[in-house]
C-alpha cells in the first residue's frame, strides 16, 4: 500500500490469468498478466486479501501518460 500526494490510499497490483478455451474447434491455453491499480476504500480492501486468491475484477483500462501498456483501474472486486 502506498499513499498519493493527496493522502489517498493506493495499491499497485499484477493480475495473472490462466485458462483453457475452445477456438476454431481446438483447445487453446491462454495466459496473461496485467498491471492494475486501485485507490481509496478499494485499495484498503485489496491490501487485506491473500496473494494467489481467485478474484473477479471490474474497472476500466487506461494507458498512463508515460507508458505503453494499459493498466486496469479496479473499481470493484469479489472473490470468484
Protein backbone atom coordinates (compact mmCIF):
# COMPACT_ATOMS: atom_id res chain seq x y z
CA UNK A 1 0.00 0.00 0.00
CA UNK A 2 1.15 3.50 -0.76
CA UNK A 3 -0.42 6.93 -0.49
CA UNK A 4 -0.82 9.56 -3.19
CA UNK A 5 0.49 13.10 -2.54
CA UNK A 6 -3.10 13.97 -1.58
CA UNK A 7 -3.07 11.21 1.06
CA UNK A 8 -5.33 8.79 -0.83
CA UNK A 9 -4.54 5.07 -0.26
CA UNK A 10 -3.35 3.33 -3.44
CA UNK A 11 -2.16 -0.16 -4.29
CA UNK A 12 -0.36 -1.40 -7.40
CA UNK A 13 -1.01 -4.99 -8.46
CA UNK A 14 -0.05 -7.54 -11.07
CA UNK A 15 -3.03 -9.70 -12.04
CA UNK A 16 -2.45 -13.06 -13.73
CA UNK A 17 -4.97 -15.09 -15.72
CA UNK A 18 -4.72 -18.66 -17.00
CA UNK A 19 -7.44 -20.73 -18.68
CA UNK A 20 -8.22 -23.14 -21.49
CA UNK A 21 -10.86 -22.32 -24.09
CA UNK A 22 -12.05 -23.54 -27.45
CA UNK A 23 -11.02 -21.65 -30.58
CA UNK A 24 -11.77 -22.94 -34.08
CA UNK A 25 -12.67 -26.32 -32.58
CA UNK A 26 -9.37 -26.77 -30.74
CA UNK A 27 -8.35 -26.25 -27.12
CA UNK A 28 -6.18 -23.20 -26.58
CA UNK A 29 -4.20 -22.41 -23.43
CA UNK A 30 -4.42 -18.72 -22.54
CA UNK A 31 -2.09 -16.94 -20.10
CA UNK A 32 -1.66 -13.24 -19.48
CA UNK A 33 -0.52 -10.76 -16.85
CA UNK A 34 -1.84 -7.23 -16.44
CA UNK A 35 -0.81 -4.31 -14.26
CA UNK A 36 -3.61 -2.93 -12.09
CA UNK A 37 -4.15 -0.12 -9.59
CA UNK A 38 -6.82 0.69 -7.01
CA UNK A 39 -7.44 3.78 -4.91
CA UNK A 40 -9.30 4.67 -1.70
CA UNK A 41 -11.50 2.10 0.06
CA UNK A 42 -10.96 -0.45 -2.74
CA UNK A 43 -7.18 -0.25 -2.20
CA UNK A 44 -7.63 -0.74 1.54
CA UNK A 45 -9.84 -3.81 0.97
CA UNK A 46 -7.39 -5.30 -1.55
CA UNK A 47 -4.43 -4.81 0.82
CA UNK A 48 -6.01 -7.31 3.26
CA UNK A 49 -6.57 -10.09 0.69
CA UNK A 50 -4.36 -13.17 0.31
CA UNK A 51 -2.00 -13.33 -2.65
CA UNK A 52 -2.83 -16.11 -5.07
CA UNK A 53 -6.57 -15.99 -4.35
CA UNK A 54 -9.09 -16.10 -7.20
CA UNK A 55 -10.99 -12.86 -7.81
CA UNK A 56 -13.26 -11.19 -10.34
CA UNK A 57 -12.45 -7.51 -11.01
CA UNK A 58 -14.45 -4.65 -12.51
CA UNK A 59 -12.97 -1.39 -13.73
CA UNK A 60 -11.54 0.28 -16.80
CA UNK A 61 -8.35 0.14 -18.85
CA UNK A 62 -6.21 3.25 -19.27
CA UNK A 63 -2.73 3.85 -20.65
CA UNK A 64 -0.58 6.02 -18.38
CA UNK A 65 0.82 9.18 -19.96
CA UNK A 66 4.38 7.82 -19.91
CA UNK A 67 3.55 4.15 -20.55
CA UNK A 68 2.86 1.86 -23.47
CA UNK A 69 0.80 -0.80 -21.74
CA UNK A 70 -2.73 -0.47 -20.37
CA UNK A 71 -3.38 -0.57 -16.62
CA UNK A 72 -6.63 -1.88 -15.13
CA UNK A 73 -8.12 0.67 -12.72
CA UNK A 74 -10.06 -1.51 -10.29
CA UNK A 75 -13.40 -0.08 -9.22
CA UNK A 76 -14.82 -3.21 -7.55
CA UNK A 77 -13.92 -6.83 -6.92
CA UNK A 78 -15.35 -10.03 -5.49
CA UNK A 79 -14.00 -13.45 -4.67
CA UNK A 80 -14.54 -15.90 -7.52
